Amino acid sequence: LGCGAGLLVECASRWGLDAQGVDGSHDAIAMAKERTPDLRVQQGFLSDRLPFDDLTFQTAILNQVIEHLPPETGSIALREAARVLKPGGML
C-alpha cells in the first residue's frame, strides 16, 4: 500500500510472490507500468476503500508510507489493510 513506482512489488514478483500494489500517484503507476507492463499495480487513494475483496492477502506492507499520511487517512488505510488480510495475516 503506497507502492510508488512499484519497485517492491516488482522485486517480490520476481521472487515468485503473488504481489500487488496500490498508489495514489497516477504518474508513479504509469512509471511502474512503463517499466514492467504486466506488473500488478493500480491507482487508488489510501483514504478510500481498497480495490480488493475481504480476506485476500497474507501480508500488507506500508513501507515508508504511514508516517506521511494525515491521521484520518492513516486510520482508514490501517482499517482497510486489516479488512483485506486473511486471518493470521501480517501488517
Protein backbone atom coordinates (compact mmCIF):
# COMPACT_ATOMS: atom_id res chain seq x y z
CA LEU A 1 0.00 0.00 0.00
CA GLY A 2 1.55 3.22 -1.17
CA CYS A 3 3.70 1.28 -3.64
CA GLY A 4 5.01 4.32 -5.51
CA ALA A 5 6.63 3.25 -8.76
CA GLY A 6 6.20 -0.40 -7.80
CA LEU A 7 9.81 -1.38 -7.12
CA LEU A 8 8.98 -3.56 -4.09
CA VAL A 9 6.06 -5.13 -5.97
CA GLU A 10 8.37 -5.86 -8.89
CA CYS A 11 11.04 -7.37 -6.65
CA ALA A 12 8.53 -9.56 -4.82
CA SER A 13 7.04 -10.71 -8.13
CA ARG A 14 10.47 -11.63 -9.46
CA TRP A 15 10.99 -13.76 -6.35
CA GLY A 16 7.81 -15.64 -7.23
CA LEU A 17 5.47 -13.95 -4.76
CA ASP A 18 1.95 -13.02 -5.81
CA ALA A 19 2.28 -9.28 -5.20
CA GLN A 20 0.01 -6.34 -5.98
CA GLY A 21 0.34 -2.65 -5.28
CA VAL A 22 -1.78 0.48 -4.92
CA ASP A 23 -0.62 4.08 -5.01
CA GLY A 24 -2.38 7.41 -5.20
CA SER A 25 0.00 8.81 -7.79
CA HIS A 26 -1.14 8.28 -11.36
CA ASP A 27 2.39 9.19 -12.51
CA ALA A 28 4.04 6.59 -10.24
CA ILE A 29 1.71 3.86 -11.50
CA ALA A 30 2.40 4.92 -15.10
CA MET A 31 6.16 4.67 -14.47
CA ALA A 32 5.74 1.20 -12.97
CA LYS A 33 3.66 0.04 -15.93
CA GLU A 34 6.10 1.56 -18.42
CA ARG A 35 8.99 -0.29 -16.77
CA THR A 36 7.11 -3.57 -16.30
CA PRO A 37 3.82 -3.67 -18.27
CA ASP A 38 2.41 -6.76 -16.55
CA LEU A 39 3.15 -5.51 -13.02
CA ARG A 40 0.04 -5.74 -10.87
CA VAL A 41 -0.21 -2.15 -9.66
CA GLN A 42 -3.15 0.23 -9.76
CA GLN A 43 -4.00 3.77 -8.85
CA GLY A 44 -6.06 4.25 -5.70
CA PHE A 45 -6.10 6.50 -2.66
CA LEU A 46 -5.45 5.16 0.84
CA SER A 47 -8.29 7.38 2.07
CA ASP A 48 -10.72 5.19 0.08
CA ARG A 49 -11.80 1.58 0.23
CA LEU A 50 -9.06 -0.63 -1.19
CA PRO A 51 -9.94 -2.26 -4.52
CA PHE A 52 -9.62 -5.78 -3.08
CA ASP A 53 -12.04 -8.27 -1.57
CA ASP A 54 -12.06 -9.05 2.14
CA LEU A 55 -9.56 -11.68 3.33
CA THR A 56 -7.47 -11.55 0.14
CA PHE A 57 -3.87 -11.18 1.33
CA GLN A 58 -1.48 -12.88 3.72
CA THR A 59 0.63 -9.73 4.11
CA ALA A 60 0.11 -5.99 3.65
CA ILE A 61 3.08 -3.63 3.56
CA LEU A 62 3.13 0.15 4.01
CA ASN A 63 6.86 0.77 3.58
CA GLN A 64 7.76 4.41 4.30
CA VAL A 65 4.08 5.35 3.88
CA ILE A 66 2.07 5.57 7.09
CA GLU A 67 4.16 8.40 8.60
CA HIS A 68 3.32 10.61 5.61
CA LEU A 69 -0.45 10.24 5.91
CA PRO A 70 -2.78 12.55 7.81
CA PRO A 71 -4.12 10.76 10.94
CA GLU A 72 -7.59 10.13 9.47
CA THR A 73 -6.16 8.72 6.24
CA GLY A 74 -3.75 6.57 8.25
CA SER A 75 -6.65 5.17 10.27
CA ILE A 76 -8.60 4.36 7.10
CA ALA A 77 -5.55 2.73 5.49
CA LEU A 78 -4.93 0.54 8.56
CA ARG A 79 -8.61 -0.47 8.78
CA GLU A 80 -8.63 -1.33 5.08
CA ALA A 81 -5.37 -3.28 5.40
CA ALA A 82 -6.94 -5.29 8.23
CA ARG A 83 -10.06 -5.90 6.13
CA VAL A 84 -8.13 -7.38 3.19
CA LEU A 85 -5.88 -9.56 5.36
CA LYS A 86 -6.60 -13.24 5.85
CA PRO A 87 -6.88 -14.48 9.45
CA GLY A 88 -3.40 -14.54 10.93
CA GLY A 89 -2.15 -12.19 8.20
CA MET A 90 0.64 -9.73 8.86
CA LEU A 91 0.64 -5.96 8.53
